[in-house]
Amino acid sequence: MKQNYFYTIFFLLLFSLSIQAQESKESLFTGKNQEQPFENLNIYPNPVGNGRIFITSKTSAEKEIEIFDVLGKRVLQISITTKELNVASLSPGVYIIKIKEGEQRATRKLIIK
């Protein structure tokens, strides 16, 4: 069991470093800072147990959501205008969620029970 946690953490760390390297590379070519901090960004509940998460921020603008598994495969891509997102189709595990709202971007860990 401990070995499974080790591999999960290892892949999550590797995936996070890969995303950061890719975003840094993109910012070098475009001259833009790829991630500006969100004001009052909240993602809850995390870990998710009921198949729904709520994403709130200071504004109610449309949010572009991408969710990746620990191997880097995009498993969900959607735009939302409400604060609720249905993730019931995702298997239990650890994911990376990327949120874009206007020029603001955030990357967080998401755990599905």
Protein backbone atom coordinates (compact mmCIF):
# COMPACT_ATOMS: atom_id res chain seq x y z
CA MET A 1 0.00 0.00 0.00
CA LYS A 2 2.83 2.41 0.85
CA GLN A 3 4.42 1.61 -2.49
CA ASN A 4 1.24 2.69 -4.33
CA TYR A 5 1.29 6.03 -2.50
CA PHE A 6 4.94 6.46 -3.39
CA TYR A 7 4.24 5.94 -7.10
CA THR A 8 1.21 8.24 -7.00
CA ILE A 9 3.20 11.02 -5.34
CA PHE A 10 6.12 10.45 -7.70
CA PHE A 11 3.92 10.72 -10.82
CA LEU A 12 2.11 13.76 -9.40
CA LEU A 13 5.42 15.51 -8.76
CA LEU A 14 6.71 14.56 -12.20
CA PHE A 15 3.50 15.81 -13.83
CA SER A 16 3.61 19.09 -11.90
CA LEU A 17 7.19 19.71 -12.97
CA SER A 18 6.27 18.92 -16.57
CA ILE A 19 3.39 21.44 -16.52
CA GLN A 20 5.60 24.12 -14.98
CA ALA A 21 8.33 23.52 -17.56
CA GLN A 22 5.82 23.70 -20.41
CA GLU A 23 4.30 26.93 -19.09
CA SER A 24 7.76 28.46 -18.62
CA LYS A 25 8.63 27.49 -22.19
CA GLU A 26 5.41 29.06 -23.49
CA SER A 27 6.04 32.27 -21.57
CA LEU A 28 9.51 32.53 -23.13
CA PHE A 29 8.05 32.38 -26.63
CA THR A 30 5.03 34.58 -26.07
CA GLY A 31 6.64 37.05 -23.70
CA LYS A 32 3.67 36.73 -21.35
CA ASN A 33 3.45 35.54 -17.80
CA GLN A 34 1.28 32.43 -18.16
CA GLU A 35 -0.16 32.34 -14.65
CA GLN A 36 -1.47 35.35 -12.79
CA PRO A 37 -2.80 34.71 -9.30
CA PHE A 38 -6.54 34.45 -8.82
CA GLU A 39 -8.18 36.67 -6.26
CA ASN A 40 -10.23 34.60 -3.81
CA LEU A 41 -10.10 31.37 -5.83
CA ASN A 42 -11.76 28.51 -3.95
CA ILE A 43 -12.16 24.90 -5.05
CA TYR A 44 -14.23 22.80 -2.68
CA PRO A 45 -14.77 20.16 -1.43
CA ASN A 46 -11.35 18.67 -1.98
CA PRO A 47 -11.20 15.66 -1.70
CA VAL A 48 -14.41 15.22 -3.71
CA GLY A 49 -16.82 12.58 -2.47
CA ASN A 50 -20.15 13.47 -4.08
CA GLY A 51 -19.17 13.96 -7.74
CA ARG A 52 -19.48 17.75 -7.66
CA ILE A 53 -16.99 20.50 -6.98
CA PHE A 54 -17.57 24.22 -6.63
CA ILE A 55 -15.16 26.75 -8.10
CA THR A 56 -15.55 30.34 -6.98
CA SER A 57 -13.49 33.48 -7.48
CA LYS A 58 -13.86 37.21 -7.06
CA THR A 59 -15.68 37.53 -10.39
CA SER A 60 -18.39 35.40 -11.96
CA ALA A 61 -16.82 35.35 -15.43
CA GLU A 62 -16.65 32.19 -17.55
CA LYS A 63 -13.99 29.74 -16.43
CA GLU A 64 -12.17 27.33 -18.73
CA ILE A 65 -11.44 24.09 -16.86
CA GLU A 66 -9.02 21.32 -17.78
CA ILE A 67 -8.46 18.24 -15.63
CA PHE A 68 -5.48 15.93 -16.15
CA ASP A 69 -4.68 12.53 -14.65
CA VAL A 70 -1.25 11.87 -13.08
CA LEU A 71 0.11 10.64 -16.42
CA GLY A 72 -0.70 13.98 -18.07
CA LYS A 73 -3.69 12.82 -20.10
CA ARG A 74 -6.49 15.38 -20.29
CA VAL A 75 -9.61 13.67 -18.95
CA LEU A 76 -12.00 16.64 -18.89
CA GLN A 77 -12.17 20.00 -20.67
CA ILE A 78 -15.14 22.31 -20.18
CA SER A 79 -16.13 25.96 -19.85
CA ILE A 80 -18.46 26.90 -17.02
CA THR A 81 -20.37 30.04 -16.13
CA THR A 82 -21.75 28.70 -12.86
CA LYS A 83 -19.72 27.70 -9.82
CA GLU A 84 -20.66 23.99 -9.96
CA LEU A 85 -18.72 21.34 -11.93
CA ASN A 86 -19.81 17.71 -12.27
CA VAL A 87 -16.82 15.33 -11.95
CA ALA A 88 -18.83 12.15 -11.33
CA SER A 89 -17.46 10.62 -14.54
CA LEU A 90 -13.90 10.63 -13.13
CA SER A 91 -12.53 7.54 -11.39
CA PRO A 92 -11.18 7.89 -7.86
CA GLY A 93 -7.63 9.20 -7.87
CA VAL A 94 -5.37 12.24 -7.94
CA TYR A 95 -5.77 14.82 -10.70
CA ILE A 96 -4.44 18.22 -11.70
CA ILE A 97 -7.05 20.92 -12.38
CA LYS A 98 -6.16 23.98 -14.46
CA ILE A 99 -8.51 26.95 -14.32
CA LYS A 100 -8.42 29.95 -16.63
CA GLU A 101 -10.58 33.04 -16.17
CA GLY A 102 -9.63 35.90 -18.46
CA GLU A 103 -5.90 36.46 -17.99
CA GLN A 104 -5.83 34.70 -14.62
CA ARG A 105 -4.71 31.07 -14.44
CA ALA A 106 -4.32 28.59 -11.61
CA THR A 107 -3.20 24.98 -11.30
CA ARG A 108 -4.25 22.88 -8.30
CA LYS A 109 -4.30 19.28 -7.13
CA LEU A 110 -7.73 17.61 -7.07
CA ILE A 111 -8.51 14.36 -5.25
CA ILE A 112 -11.54 12.25 -6.19
CA LYS A 113 -12.67 9.66 -3.60
